[in-house]
């Protein structure tokens, strides 16, 4: 029997001592699936992605296993995942092409032809601009293009739709759906359309833990809204 891609058990994470953002948080991601993570503001979605990205040292867990083996989020595991955050102002003095070359060198991979991704995201006119000069949406495209070009086993996307125009959003949905050929995507979103159109499973995060899971034909906006106890937030 194939081991899950990622298993996180009894995770606790915090920014201030004795004030947990995540508490007894457990989740399992299977190979080649798309999982949506949804919750009200402050539920801990970004916090969890920061833990997996090695950016939040204040956490402990019963276990974190990747492909059946113990995983250190700051160790070899980091070569198997790439994260796109909702907002990222780093690498402001890199152009897109420089950033792409830098990231692929860090992952030990040759830079592929990304023409289809650049055109699909409507980014052709900005490929040689400094990242710091780009709008929030165009900067988001830099990281999304990089993410999908890497083809790693796990992509972590934090509010990937934010800042994108209609054409780019539609293209993003196709990329997310097609990514099952390469690996697994875990993404957070407060936009129900992005969840219901692309996800195999939807995890509802509430009060620091996964409270509900929707799978397959049960992934629908009405039930997810009800689970969130707040129709006006989404």
Protein backbone atom coordinates (compact mmCIF):
# COMPACT_ATOMS: atom_id res chain seq x y z
CA UNK A 1 0.00 0.00 0.00
CA UNK A 2 1.38 3.39 -1.04
CA UNK A 3 2.28 5.71 1.82
CA UNK A 4 0.60 9.14 1.94
CA UNK A 5 2.60 11.96 0.44
CA UNK A 6 2.49 13.92 3.68
CA UNK A 7 1.19 13.17 7.16
CA UNK A 8 1.17 15.77 9.93
CA UNK A 9 -0.08 14.62 13.32
CA UNK A 10 -0.90 16.64 16.44
CA UNK A 11 0.70 19.88 15.30
CA UNK A 12 0.76 22.86 17.62
CA UNK A 13 1.98 26.25 16.38
CA UNK A 14 2.12 29.70 17.92
CA UNK A 15 3.52 33.22 17.57
CA UNK A 16 3.04 34.14 21.23
CA UNK A 17 3.81 31.68 24.00
CA UNK A 18 0.73 30.01 25.52
CA UNK A 19 -1.45 31.31 22.67
CA UNK A 20 -1.74 28.57 20.04
CA UNK A 21 -2.85 29.37 16.50
CA UNK A 22 -2.91 25.67 15.61
CA UNK A 23 -3.66 23.07 18.28
CA UNK A 24 -3.87 19.30 17.80
CA UNK A 25 -3.88 19.93 14.04
CA UNK A 26 -3.64 16.73 11.98
CA UNK A 27 -3.83 16.27 8.21
CA UNK A 28 -2.86 13.71 5.59
CA UNK A 29 -2.23 14.51 1.92
CA UNK A 30 -2.32 11.74 -0.64
CA UNK A 31 -0.21 11.53 -3.78
CA UNK A 32 -1.44 13.46 -6.80
CA UNK A 33 -4.45 15.20 -5.35
CA UNK A 34 -5.66 18.78 -4.97
CA UNK A 35 -6.67 19.77 -1.46
CA UNK A 36 -8.33 23.06 -0.58
CA UNK A 37 -7.88 24.57 2.87
CA UNK A 38 -10.53 27.04 3.90
CA UNK A 39 -11.39 28.91 7.07
CA UNK A 40 -12.32 32.30 8.41
CA UNK A 41 -9.67 34.99 8.84
CA UNK A 42 -7.28 34.04 11.63
CA UNK A 43 -8.12 30.33 11.48
CA UNK A 44 -4.46 29.42 10.87
CA UNK A 45 -4.27 28.66 7.15
CA UNK A 46 -1.16 30.72 6.47
CA UNK A 47 0.38 29.62 9.76
CA UNK A 48 0.22 25.99 8.65
CA UNK A 49 1.81 26.80 5.30
CA UNK A 50 4.56 28.71 7.10
CA UNK A 51 5.28 25.66 9.26
CA UNK A 52 5.59 23.42 6.20
CA UNK A 53 7.76 26.05 4.51
CA UNK A 54 10.21 26.15 7.39
CA UNK A 55 9.42 29.78 8.19
CA UNK A 56 7.86 29.37 11.61
CA UNK A 57 10.15 27.81 14.24
CA UNK A 58 7.61 28.04 17.06
CA UNK A 59 5.81 24.72 16.64
CA UNK A 60 5.90 21.13 17.73
CA UNK A 61 4.25 18.02 16.31
CA UNK A 62 3.69 14.42 17.22
CA UNK A 63 5.04 13.51 13.79
CA UNK A 64 5.63 14.92 10.31
CA UNK A 65 6.20 12.25 7.67
CA UNK A 66 6.83 12.69 3.94
CA UNK A 67 6.43 9.69 1.62
CA UNK A 68 6.40 7.47 4.68
CA UNK A 69 9.60 8.80 6.26
CA UNK A 70 10.16 11.30 9.10
CA UNK A 71 10.52 14.80 7.67
CA UNK A 72 12.32 17.88 8.89
CA UNK A 73 10.65 20.95 7.38
CA UNK A 74 14.04 22.68 7.26
CA UNK A 75 15.88 19.60 5.98
CA UNK A 76 15.64 17.55 2.79
CA UNK A 77 11.86 18.02 2.70
CA UNK A 78 12.31 21.62 1.53
CA UNK A 79 13.65 20.31 -1.81
CA UNK A 80 10.33 18.55 -2.41
CA UNK A 81 8.03 21.53 -1.96
CA UNK A 82 7.63 25.12 -3.12
CA UNK A 83 5.38 27.74 -1.55
CA UNK A 84 3.60 30.69 -3.12
CA UNK A 85 2.46 33.09 -0.41
CA UNK A 86 -0.42 35.54 -0.70
CA UNK A 87 2.05 38.43 -0.56
CA UNK A 88 5.79 38.24 -1.12
CA UNK A 89 8.03 41.28 -1.49
CA UNK A 90 11.33 39.39 -1.57
CA UNK A 91 13.80 39.43 -4.48
CA UNK A 92 12.74 42.95 -5.46
CA UNK A 93 15.95 43.56 -7.43
CA UNK A 94 15.68 40.37 -9.48
CA UNK A 95 13.99 40.19 -12.85
CA UNK A 96 11.67 37.25 -13.47
CA UNK A 97 14.32 35.48 -15.55
CA UNK A 98 16.94 36.03 -12.84
CA UNK A 99 14.60 34.76 -10.15
CA UNK A 100 13.70 31.70 -12.21
CA UNK A 101 17.37 30.86 -12.77
CA UNK A 102 18.10 31.37 -9.06
CA UNK A 103 15.30 29.07 -7.90
CA UNK A 104 16.06 26.28 -10.36
CA UNK A 105 19.72 26.39 -9.40
CA UNK A 106 18.70 26.10 -5.73
CA UNK A 107 16.64 23.01 -6.53
CA UNK A 108 19.41 21.58 -8.72
CA UNK A 109 17.28 21.61 -11.87
CA UNK A 110 17.87 23.04 -15.35
CA UNK A 111 15.60 25.93 -16.28
CA UNK A 112 12.86 24.62 -18.60
CA UNK A 113 11.02 26.42 -21.37
CA UNK A 114 8.32 28.37 -19.54
CA UNK A 115 6.87 30.12 -22.59
CA UNK A 116 3.47 28.44 -22.26
CA UNK A 117 3.17 29.43 -18.60
CA UNK A 118 4.32 33.00 -19.25
CA UNK A 119 1.82 33.41 -22.07
CA UNK A 120 -0.97 31.66 -20.18
CA UNK A 121 -0.60 34.00 -17.22
CA UNK A 122 -0.38 37.03 -19.53
CA UNK A 123 3.11 37.87 -18.30
CA UNK A 124 5.02 38.26 -21.57
CA UNK A 125 5.46 42.04 -21.30
CA UNK A 126 6.94 41.86 -17.79
CA UNK A 127 9.50 39.05 -18.06
CA UNK A 128 12.47 41.46 -17.89
CA UNK A 129 11.07 43.89 -15.31
CA UNK A 130 12.34 44.04 -11.73
CA UNK A 131 10.04 42.20 -9.35
CA UNK A 132 9.94 45.26 -7.12
CA UNK A 133 8.40 47.30 -9.92
CA UNK A 134 5.57 44.86 -10.57
CA UNK A 135 2.00 45.07 -9.32
CA UNK A 136 0.87 42.60 -6.66
CA UNK A 137 -0.86 40.49 -9.31
CA UNK A 138 2.12 40.37 -11.66
CA UNK A 139 4.47 39.56 -8.80
CA UNK A 140 2.12 36.70 -7.87
CA UNK A 141 2.44 35.43 -11.45
CA UNK A 142 6.23 35.22 -11.09
CA UNK A 143 5.90 32.81 -8.19
CA UNK A 144 3.06 30.82 -9.77
CA UNK A 145 4.97 30.35 -13.02
CA UNK A 146 7.98 29.20 -11.03
CA UNK A 147 5.85 26.83 -8.95
CA UNK A 148 4.24 25.09 -11.89
CA UNK A 149 7.50 24.93 -13.85
CA UNK A 150 9.33 23.18 -10.99
CA UNK A 151 6.92 20.20 -10.99
CA UNK A 152 7.76 19.24 -7.41
CA UNK A 153 5.86 16.58 -5.45
CA UNK A 154 4.13 19.23 -3.30
CA UNK A 155 3.01 22.78 -4.07
CA UNK A 156 1.72 25.00 -1.29
CA UNK A 157 -0.34 27.95 -2.52
CA UNK A 158 -1.59 30.64 -0.15
CA UNK A 159 -4.54 32.57 -1.63
CA UNK A 160 -3.25 32.03 -5.20
CA UNK A 161 -6.16 33.83 -6.87
CA UNK A 162 -5.62 37.13 -5.04
CA UNK A 163 -4.52 39.88 -7.41
CA UNK A 164 -5.03 37.90 -10.62
CA UNK A 165 -7.12 39.10 -13.55
CA UNK A 166 -9.91 36.95 -15.00
CA UNK A 167 -7.81 35.37 -17.77
CA UNK A 168 -5.00 34.48 -15.38
CA UNK A 169 -7.45 33.06 -12.85
CA UNK A 170 -8.97 30.75 -15.46
CA UNK A 171 -5.48 29.65 -16.52
CA UNK A 172 -4.54 29.06 -12.88
CA UNK A 173 -7.54 26.76 -12.39
CA UNK A 174 -6.41 24.67 -15.36
CA UNK A 175 -2.86 24.47 -14.02
CA UNK A 176 -4.10 23.36 -10.60
CA UNK A 177 -6.37 20.72 -12.13
CA UNK A 178 -3.64 19.39 -14.43
CA UNK A 179 -1.03 19.26 -11.67
CA UNK A 180 -2.21 15.83 -10.54
CA UNK A 181 0.07 14.49 -13.29
CA UNK A 182 3.09 15.71 -11.32
CA UNK A 183 2.18 15.89 -7.65
CA UNK A 184 -0.10 17.29 -4.96
CA UNK A 185 -1.34 20.81 -4.36
CA UNK A 186 -2.48 22.16 -1.01
CA UNK A 187 -3.91 25.63 -1.30
CA UNK A 188 -5.74 28.02 0.95
CA UNK A 189 -8.43 30.31 -0.35
CA UNK A 190 -11.36 32.41 0.80
CA UNK A 191 -12.83 32.26 -2.71
CA UNK A 192 -15.22 29.33 -2.85
CA UNK A 193 -15.12 29.10 -6.64
CA UNK A 194 -11.41 28.27 -6.57
CA UNK A 195 -12.08 25.54 -4.02
CA UNK A 196 -15.13 23.92 -5.59
CA UNK A 197 -13.81 23.96 -9.18
CA UNK A 198 -10.46 22.34 -8.48
CA UNK A 199 -10.33 20.36 -5.23
CA UNK A 200 -10.59 16.64 -4.62
CA UNK A 201 -10.98 17.39 -0.92
CA UNK A 202 -11.73 20.50 1.09
CA UNK A 203 -10.55 20.87 4.68
CA UNK A 204 -12.37 23.33 6.92
CA UNK A 205 -10.03 24.87 9.48
CA UNK A 206 -11.65 26.26 12.59
CA UNK A 207 -10.20 27.13 16.00
CA UNK A 208 -6.79 25.73 15.11
CA UNK A 209 -7.80 22.30 13.83
CA UNK A 210 -9.52 20.58 10.90
CA UNK A 211 -13.20 20.38 11.86
CA UNK A 212 -14.81 19.15 8.63
CA UNK A 213 -13.70 17.43 5.44
CA UNK A 214 -15.59 17.45 2.14
CA UNK A 215 -14.69 14.94 -0.56
CA UNK A 216 -15.59 14.39 -4.21
CA UNK A 217 -19.25 15.03 -4.93
CA UNK A 218 -19.70 16.56 -1.49
CA UNK A 219 -17.47 19.51 -2.38
CA UNK A 220 -20.10 22.21 -2.86
CA UNK A 221 -20.36 25.84 -1.89
CA UNK A 222 -23.56 25.61 0.17
CA UNK A 223 -22.28 22.94 2.54
CA UNK A 224 -18.90 24.59 2.93
CA UNK A 225 -20.54 27.93 3.76
CA UNK A 226 -22.68 26.22 6.36
CA UNK A 227 -19.60 24.56 7.86
CA UNK A 228 -17.94 27.94 8.22
CA UNK A 229 -20.91 29.30 10.20
CA UNK A 230 -20.67 32.62 8.33
CA UNK A 231 -22.29 33.09 4.93
CA UNK A 232 -21.14 36.71 4.66
CA UNK A 233 -17.39 36.08 4.85
CA UNK A 234 -17.14 34.34 1.48
